[in-house]
PDB file of N, CA and C in Angstrom:
ATOM      1  N   MET A   1     -21.390 -40.848  14.223  1.00  0.00           N
ATOM      2  CA  MET A   1     -22.835 -40.900  14.087  1.00  0.00           C
ATOM      3  C   MET A   1     -23.407 -41.823  15.159  1.00  0.00           C
ATOM      4  N   TYR A   2     -24.523 -41.412  15.698  1.00  0.00           N
ATOM      5  CA  TYR A   2     -25.206 -42.241  16.686  1.00  0.00           C
ATOM      6  C   TYR A   2     -25.787 -43.473  16.004  1.00  0.00           C
ATOM      7  N   THR A   3     -26.101 -44.462  16.809  1.00  0.00           N
ATOM      8  CA  THR A   3     -26.738 -45.663  16.274  1.00  0.00           C
ATOM      9  C   THR A   3     -27.934 -46.022  17.136  1.00  0.00           C
ATOM     10  N   THR A   4     -28.955 -46.572  16.482  1.00  0.00           N
ATOM     11  CA  THR A   4     -30.138 -47.037  17.205  1.00  0.00           C
ATOM     12  C   THR A   4     -30.009 -48.509  17.553  1.00  0.00           C
ATOM     13  N   ASN A   5     -29.037 -49.179  16.945  1.00  0.00           N
ATOM     14  CA  ASN A   5     -28.865 -50.632  17.045  1.00  0.00           C
ATOM     15  C   ASN A   5     -30.021 -51.392  16.405  1.00  0.00           C
ATOM     16  N   ILE A   6     -30.724 -50.731  15.510  1.00  0.00           N
ATOM     17  CA  ILE A   6     -31.760 -51.350  14.702  1.00  0.00           C
ATOM     18  C   ILE A   6     -31.296 -51.189  13.258  1.00  0.00           C
ATOM     19  N   PRO A   7     -30.833 -52.285  12.634  1.00  0.00           N
ATOM     20  CA  PRO A   7     -30.167 -52.180  11.331  1.00  0.00           C
ATOM     21  C   PRO A   7     -30.945 -51.414  10.258  1.00  0.00           C
ATOM     22  N   GLU A   8     -32.239 -51.627  10.146  1.00  0.00           N
ATOM     23  CA  GLU A   8     -33.017 -50.957   9.108  1.00  0.00           C
ATOM     24  C   GLU A   8     -33.043 -49.442   9.311  1.00  0.00           C
ATOM     25  N   ILE A   9     -33.171 -49.022  10.544  1.00  0.00           N
ATOM     26  CA  ILE A   9     -33.194 -47.588  10.846  1.00  0.00           C
ATOM     27  C   ILE A   9     -31.800 -46.997  10.661  1.00  0.00           C
ATOM     28  N   ASP A  10     -30.780 -47.691  11.147  1.00  0.00           N
ATOM     29  CA  ASP A  10     -29.417 -47.206  10.983  1.00  0.00           C
ATOM     30  C   ASP A  10     -29.035 -47.105   9.511  1.00  0.00           C
ATOM     31  N   ASP A  11     -29.475 -48.080   8.698  1.00  0.00           N
ATOM     32  CA  ASP A  11     -29.195 -48.028   7.261  1.00  0.00           C
ATOM     33  C   ASP A  11     -29.855 -46.809   6.616  1.00  0.00           C
ATOM     34  N   MET A  12     -31.070 -46.487   7.031  1.00  0.00           N
ATOM     35  CA  MET A  12     -31.753 -45.313   6.494  1.00  0.00           C
ATOM     36  C   MET A  12     -30.992 -44.051   6.856  1.00  0.00           C
ATOM     37  N   PHE A  13     -30.517 -43.977   8.101  1.00  0.00           N
ATOM     38  CA  PHE A  13     -29.743 -42.802   8.503  1.00  0.00           C
ATOM     39  C   PHE A  13     -28.428 -42.711   7.734  1.00  0.00           C
ATOM     40  N   LYS A  14     -27.774 -43.822   7.501  1.00  0.00           N
ATOM     41  CA  LYS A  14     -26.530 -43.813   6.718  1.00  0.00           C
ATOM     42  C   LYS A  14     -26.794 -43.331   5.298  1.00  0.00           C
ATOM     43  N   TYR A  15     -27.872 -43.824   4.701  1.00  0.00           N
ATOM     44  CA  TYR A  15     -28.216 -43.407   3.343  1.00  0.00           C
ATOM     45  C   TYR A  15     -28.526 -41.911   3.290  1.00  0.00           C
ATOM     46  N   THR A  16     -29.376 -41.438   4.202  1.00  0.00           N
ATOM     47  CA  THR A  16     -29.749 -40.023   4.170  1.00  0.00           C
ATOM     48  C   THR A  16     -28.563 -39.135   4.511  1.00  0.00           C
ATOM     49  N   GLN A  17     -27.667 -39.628   5.360  1.00  0.00           N
ATOM     50  CA  GLN A  17     -26.460 -38.866   5.663  1.00  0.00           C
ATOM     51  C   GLN A  17     -25.612 -38.714   4.398  1.00  0.00           C
ATOM     52  N   SER A  18     -25.500 -39.769   3.602  1.00  0.00           N
ATOM     53  CA  SER A  18     -24.724 -39.681   2.364  1.00  0.00           C
ATOM     54  C   SER A  18     -25.408 -38.751   1.362  1.00  0.00           C
ATOM     55  N   GLU A  19     -26.743 -38.763   1.315  1.00  0.00           N
ATOM     56  CA  GLU A  19     -27.467 -37.840   0.440  1.00  0.00           C
ATOM     57  C   GLU A  19     -27.230 -36.392   0.860  1.00  0.00           C
ATOM     58  N   CYS A  20     -27.206 -36.155   2.159  1.00  0.00           N
ATOM     59  CA  CYS A  20     -26.926 -34.806   2.648  1.00  0.00           C
ATOM     60  C   CYS A  20     -25.505 -34.392   2.262  1.00  0.00           C
ATOM     61  N   LYS A  21     -24.565 -35.286   2.428  1.00  0.00           N
ATOM     62  CA  LYS A  21     -23.182 -34.981   2.064  1.00  0.00           C
ATOM     63  C   LYS A  21     -23.087 -34.642   0.579  1.00  0.00           C
ATOM     64  N   ASN A  22     -23.772 -35.402  -0.266  1.00  0.00           N
ATOM     65  CA  ASN A  22     -23.764 -35.139  -1.706  1.00  0.00           C
ATOM     66  C   ASN A  22     -24.378 -33.792  -2.057  1.00  0.00           C
ATOM     67  N   ASN A  23     -25.240 -33.277  -1.190  1.00  0.00           N
ATOM     68  CA  ASN A  23     -25.906 -32.001  -1.417  1.00  0.00           C
ATOM     69  C   ASN A  23     -25.316 -30.870  -0.573  1.00  0.00           C
ATOM     70  N   ASN A  24     -24.156 -31.117   0.026  1.00  0.00           N
ATOM     71  CA  ASN A  24     -23.479 -30.115   0.873  1.00  0.00           C
ATOM     72  C   ASN A  24     -24.376 -29.624   2.006  1.00  0.00           C
ATOM     73  N   ILE A  25     -25.049 -30.553   2.641  1.00  0.00           N
ATOM     74  CA  ILE A  25     -25.927 -30.260   3.776  1.00  0.00           C
ATOM     75  C   ILE A  25     -25.346 -30.955   5.005  1.00  0.00           C
ATOM     76  N   ASP A  26     -25.186 -30.194   6.091  1.00  0.00           N
ATOM     77  CA  ASP A  26     -24.750 -30.798   7.351  1.00  0.00           C
ATOM     78  C   ASP A  26     -25.887 -31.658   7.900  1.00  0.00           C
ATOM     79  N   PHE A  27     -25.557 -32.858   8.350  1.00  0.00           N
ATOM     80  CA  PHE A  27     -26.558 -33.779   8.883  1.00  0.00           C
ATOM     81  C   PHE A  27     -26.193 -34.105  10.321  1.00  0.00           C
ATOM     82  N   ASN A  28     -27.124 -33.861  11.230  1.00  0.00           N
ATOM     83  CA  ASN A  28     -26.915 -34.155  12.646  1.00  0.00           C
ATOM     84  C   ASN A  28     -28.046 -35.033  13.146  1.00  0.00           C
ATOM     85  N   LEU A  29     -27.680 -36.036  13.918  1.00  0.00           N
ATOM     86  CA  LEU A  29     -28.646 -36.993  14.446  1.00  0.00           C
ATOM     87  C   LEU A  29     -28.522 -37.053  15.955  1.00  0.00           C
ATOM     88  N   GLN A  30     -29.662 -36.963  16.627  1.00  0.00           N
ATOM     89  CA  GLN A  30     -29.721 -37.124  18.078  1.00  0.00           C
ATOM     90  C   GLN A  30     -30.709 -38.236  18.393  1.00  0.00           C
ATOM     91  N   ILE A  31     -30.257 -39.208  19.167  1.00  0.00           N
ATOM     92  CA  ILE A  31     -31.124 -40.305  19.610  1.00  0.00           C
ATOM     93  C   ILE A  31     -31.412 -40.084  21.091  1.00  0.00           C
ATOM     94  N   ASN A  32     -32.684 -39.974  21.416  1.00  0.00           N
ATOM     95  CA  ASN A  32     -33.106 -39.772  22.802  1.00  0.00           C
ATOM     96  C   ASN A  32     -34.047 -40.898  23.190  1.00  0.00           C
ATOM     97  N   GLY A  33     -33.762 -41.547  24.278  1.00  0.00           N
ATOM     98  CA  GLY A  33     -34.677 -42.571  24.760  1.00  0.00           C
ATOM     99  C   GLY A  33     -34.452 -43.919  24.122  1.00  0.00           C
ATOM    100  N   ASN A  34     -35.450 -44.768  24.285  1.00  0.00           N
ATOM    101  CA  ASN A  34     -35.375 -46.155  23.865  1.00  0.00           C
ATOM    102  C   ASN A  34     -36.154 -46.359  22.570  1.00  0.00           C
ATOM    103  N   ILE A  35     -35.437 -46.531  21.474  1.00  0.00           N
ATOM    104  CA  ILE A  35     -36.075 -46.720  20.174  1.00  0.00           C
ATOM    105  C   ILE A  35     -36.755 -48.084  20.103  1.00  0.00           C
ATOM    106  N   PHE A  36     -36.224 -49.072  20.817  1.00  0.00           N
ATOM    107  CA  PHE A  36     -36.858 -50.394  20.841  1.00  0.00           C
ATOM    108  C   PHE A  36     -38.266 -50.300  21.422  1.00  0.00           C
ATOM    109  N   TYR A  37     -38.449 -49.492  22.450  1.00  0.00           N
ATOM    110  CA  TYR A  37     -39.787 -49.290  23.009  1.00  0.00           C
ATOM    111  C   TYR A  37     -40.703 -48.706  21.936  1.00  0.00           C
ATOM    112  N   MET A  38     -40.185 -47.733  21.191  1.00  0.00           N
ATOM    113  CA  MET A  38     -40.979 -47.077  20.165  1.00  0.00           C
ATOM    114  C   MET A  38     -41.473 -48.083  19.117  1.00  0.00           C
ATOM    115  N   ILE A  39     -40.574 -48.932  18.603  1.00  0.00           N
ATOM    116  CA  ILE A  39     -40.988 -49.853  17.534  1.00  0.00           C
ATOM    117  C   ILE A  39     -41.748 -51.065  18.067  1.00  0.00           C
ATOM    118  N   ASN A  40     -41.637 -51.343  19.340  1.00  0.00           N
ATOM    119  CA  ASN A  40     -42.381 -52.457  19.920  1.00  0.00           C
ATOM    120  C   ASN A  40     -43.759 -52.059  20.424  1.00  0.00           C
ATOM    121  N   ASN A  41     -43.969 -50.754  20.669  1.00  0.00           N
ATOM    122  CA  ASN A  41     -45.221 -50.329  21.283  1.00  0.00           C
ATOM    123  C   ASN A  41     -45.967 -49.214  20.561  1.00  0.00           C
ATOM    124  N   LEU A  42     -45.263 -48.426  19.749  1.00  0.00           N
ATOM    125  CA  LEU A  42     -45.897 -47.232  19.201  1.00  0.00           C
ATOM    126  C   LEU A  42     -46.031 -47.220  17.682  1.00  0.00           C
ATOM    127  N   ILE A  43     -45.021 -47.704  16.972  1.00  0.00           N
ATOM    128  CA  ILE A  43     -45.035 -47.641  15.518  1.00  0.00           C
ATOM    129  C   ILE A  43     -44.270 -48.836  14.954  1.00  0.00           C
ATOM    130  N   ASP A  44     -44.778 -49.396  13.878  1.00  0.00           N
ATOM    131  CA  ASP A  44     -44.111 -50.509  13.218  1.00  0.00           C
ATOM    132  C   ASP A  44     -42.753 -50.049  12.669  1.00  0.00           C
ATOM    133  N   LYS A  45     -41.759 -50.905  12.779  1.00  0.00           N
ATOM    134  CA  LYS A  45     -40.401 -50.559  12.360  1.00  0.00           C
ATOM    135  C   LYS A  45     -40.351 -50.105  10.904  1.00  0.00           C
ATOM    136  N   SER A  46     -41.018 -50.815  10.013  1.00  0.00           N
ATOM    137  CA  SER A  46     -40.969 -50.439   8.593  1.00  0.00           C
ATOM    138  C   SER A  46     -41.653 -49.093   8.346  1.00  0.00           C
ATOM    139  N   ARG A  47     -42.694 -48.803   9.087  1.00  0.00           N
ATOM    140  CA  ARG A  47     -43.357 -47.489   8.970  1.00  0.00           C
ATOM    141  C   ARG A  47     -42.450 -46.379   9.484  1.00  0.00           C
ATOM    142  N   LEU A  48     -41.713 -46.653  10.548  1.00  0.00           N
ATOM    143  CA  LEU A  48     -40.786 -45.654  11.079  1.00  0.00           C
ATOM    144  C   LEU A  48     -39.664 -45.376  10.083  1.00  0.00           C
ATOM    145  N   VAL A  49     -39.129 -46.423   9.458  1.00  0.00           N
ATOM    146  CA  VAL A  49     -38.078 -46.248   8.449  1.00  0.00           C
ATOM    147  C   VAL A  49     -38.594 -45.378   7.301  1.00  0.00           C
ATOM    148  N   THR A  50     -39.812 -45.668   6.836  1.00  0.00           N
ATOM    149  CA  THR A  50     -40.409 -44.881   5.758  1.00  0.00           C
ATOM    150  C   THR A  50     -40.620 -43.441   6.184  1.00  0.00           C
ATOM    151  N   LEU A  51     -41.119 -43.238   7.384  1.00  0.00           N
ATOM    152  CA  LEU A  51     -41.357 -41.897   7.911  1.00  0.00           C
ATOM    153  C   LEU A  51     -40.065 -41.099   7.983  1.00  0.00           C
ATOM    154  N   ILE A  52     -39.019 -41.714   8.500  1.00  0.00           N
ATOM    155  CA  ILE A  52     -37.712 -41.048   8.591  1.00  0.00           C
ATOM    156  C   ILE A  52     -37.219 -40.668   7.201  1.00  0.00           C
ATOM    157  N   GLY A  53     -37.231 -41.632   6.295  1.00  0.00           N
ATOM    158  CA  GLY A  53     -36.743 -41.380   4.944  1.00  0.00           C
ATOM    159  C   GLY A  53     -37.518 -40.284   4.233  1.00  0.00           C
ATOM    160  N   ASP A  54     -38.845 -40.322   4.352  1.00  0.00           N
ATOM    161  CA  ASP A  54     -39.678 -39.311   3.694  1.00  0.00           C
ATOM    162  C   ASP A  54     -39.417 -37.915   4.241  1.00  0.00           C
ATOM    163  N   HIS A  55     -39.337 -37.789   5.542  1.00  0.00           N
ATOM    164  CA  HIS A  55     -39.130 -36.463   6.146  1.00  0.00           C
ATOM    165  C   HIS A  55     -37.757 -35.899   5.791  1.00  0.00           C
ATOM    166  N   ILE A  56     -36.737 -36.733   5.826  1.00  0.00           N
ATOM    167  CA  ILE A  56     -35.405 -36.237   5.500  1.00  0.00           C
ATOM    168  C   ILE A  56     -35.312 -35.901   4.011  1.00  0.00           C
ATOM    169  N   ARG A  57     -35.905 -36.723   3.153  1.00  0.00           N
ATOM    170  CA  ARG A  57     -35.912 -36.422   1.720  1.00  0.00           C
ATOM    171  C   ARG A  57     -36.618 -35.089   1.464  1.00  0.00           C
ATOM    172  N   ASP A  58     -37.753 -34.863   2.125  1.00  0.00           N
ATOM    173  CA  ASP A  58     -38.462 -33.582   1.985  1.00  0.00           C
ATOM    174  C   ASP A  58     -37.602 -32.413   2.465  1.00  0.00           C
ATOM    175  N   ALA A  59     -36.874 -32.632   3.552  1.00  0.00           N
ATOM    176  CA  ALA A  59     -35.995 -31.569   4.067  1.00  0.00           C
ATOM    177  C   ALA A  59     -34.882 -31.258   3.076  1.00  0.00           C
ATOM    178  N   ILE A  60     -34.302 -32.281   2.460  1.00  0.00           N
ATOM    179  CA  ILE A  60     -33.252 -32.070   1.463  1.00  0.00           C
ATOM    180  C   ILE A  60     -33.797 -31.273   0.283  1.00  0.00           C
ATOM    181  N   ILE A  61     -34.975 -31.636  -0.182  1.00  0.00           N
ATOM    182  CA  ILE A  61     -35.599 -30.911  -1.297  1.00  0.00           C
ATOM    183  C   ILE A  61     -35.827 -29.453  -0.920  1.00  0.00           C
ATOM    184  N   ALA A  62     -36.354 -29.214   0.271  1.00  0.00           N
ATOM    185  CA  ALA A  62     -36.622 -27.845   0.713  1.00  0.00           C
ATOM    186  C   ALA A  62     -35.331 -27.035   0.813  1.00  0.00           C
ATOM    187  N   ILE A  63     -34.305 -27.630   1.371  1.00  0.00           N
ATOM    188  CA  ILE A  63     -33.029 -26.924   1.520  1.00  0.00           C
ATOM    189  C   ILE A  63     -32.432 -26.604   0.158  1.00  0.00           C
ATOM    190  N   ASN A  64     -32.556 -27.520  -0.781  1.00  0.00           N
ATOM    191  CA  ASN A  64     -32.006 -27.295  -2.121  1.00  0.00           C
ATOM    192  C   ASN A  64     -32.768 -26.234  -2.904  1.00  0.00           C
ATOM    193  N   HIS A  65     -33.926 -25.832  -2.417  1.00  0.00           N
ATOM    194  CA  HIS A  65     -34.705 -24.792  -3.093  1.00  0.00           C
ATOM    195  C   HIS A  65     -34.655 -23.464  -2.338  1.00  0.00           C
ATOM    196  N   THR A  66     -33.620 -23.261  -1.582  1.00  0.00           N
ATOM    197  CA  THR A  66     -33.439 -22.002  -0.879  1.00  0.00           C
ATOM    198  C   THR A  66     -32.051 -21.459  -1.188  1.00  0.00           C
ATOM    199  N   GLU A  67     -31.886 -20.188  -1.000  1.00  0.00           N
ATOM    200  CA  GLU A  67     -30.581 -19.575  -1.225  1.00  0.00           C
ATOM    201  C   GLU A  67     -29.815 -19.378   0.076  1.00  0.00           C
ATOM    202  N   ASN A  68     -30.342 -19.885   1.156  1.00  0.00           N
ATOM    203  CA  ASN A  68     -29.696 -19.779   2.456  1.00  0.00           C
ATOM    204  C   ASN A  68     -28.342 -20.488   2.415  1.00  0.00           C
ATOM    205  N   ILE A  69     -27.313 -19.840   2.938  1.00  0.00           N
ATOM    206  CA  ILE A  69     -25.982 -20.462   2.936  1.00  0.00           C
ATOM    207  C   ILE A  69     -25.817 -21.471   4.066  1.00  0.00           C
ATOM    208  N   ASN A  70     -26.658 -21.401   5.080  1.00  0.00           N
ATOM    209  CA  ASN A  70     -26.610 -22.343   6.199  1.00  0.00           C
ATOM    210  C   ASN A  70     -27.514 -23.521   5.876  1.00  0.00           C
ATOM    211  N   LYS A  71     -26.901 -24.626   5.471  1.00  0.00           N
ATOM    212  CA  LYS A  71     -27.676 -25.801   5.067  1.00  0.00           C
ATOM    213  C   LYS A  71     -27.412 -26.928   6.045  1.00  0.00           C
ATOM    214  N   SER A  72     -28.427 -27.255   6.837  1.00  0.00           N
ATOM    215  CA  SER A  72     -28.251 -28.336   7.805  1.00  0.00           C
ATOM    216  C   SER A  72     -29.600 -28.951   8.141  1.00  0.00           C
ATOM    217  N   ILE A  73     -29.512 -30.218   8.542  1.00  0.00           N
ATOM    218  CA  ILE A  73     -30.692 -30.960   8.984  1.00  0.00           C
ATOM    219  C   ILE A  73     -30.360 -31.579  10.342  1.00  0.00           C
ATOM    220  N   LEU A  74     -31.252 -31.366  11.287  1.00  0.00           N
ATOM    221  CA  LEU A  74     -31.141 -31.995  12.596  1.00  0.00           C
ATOM    222  C   LEU A  74     -32.291 -32.984  12.727  1.00  0.00           C
ATOM    223  N   VAL A  75     -31.952 -34.234  12.965  1.00  0.00           N
ATOM    224  CA  VAL A  75     -32.960 -35.263  13.206  1.00  0.00           C
ATOM    225  C   VAL A  75     -32.863 -35.655  14.675  1.00  0.00           C
ATOM    226  N   ARG A  76     -33.973 -35.541  15.360  1.00  0.00           N
ATOM    227  CA  ARG A  76     -34.027 -35.940  16.768  1.00  0.00           C
ATOM    228  C   ARG A  76     -35.054 -37.058  16.873  1.00  0.00           C
ATOM    229  N   LEU A  77     -34.619 -38.226  17.272  1.00  0.00           N
ATOM    230  CA  LEU A  77     -35.491 -39.388  17.337  1.00  0.00           C
ATOM    231  C   LEU A  77     -35.529 -39.905  18.770  1.00  0.00           C
ATOM    232  N   GLY A  78     -36.727 -40.106  19.279  1.00  0.00           N
ATOM    233  CA  GLY A  78     -36.835 -40.653  20.615  1.00  0.00           C
ATOM    234  C   GLY A  78     -38.104 -40.242  21.296  1.00  0.00           C
TER     235      GLY A  78
END
């Protein structure tokens, strides 16, 4: 798994990855660019953690309400 080197964000990704595993959903993470720039200039770190968690939780709920056999989530951050 990729790391952002920002503990709060990495912890959220670890948690959501485990939730995906518990729901038999493939979880893929791509980190592009400088996340430190993002949290220092564009969005507060705690807001970004909440945003990530909310979007992935919504994706898990949506996937669990479909009969599609291909269950995966791709998160691209950067």
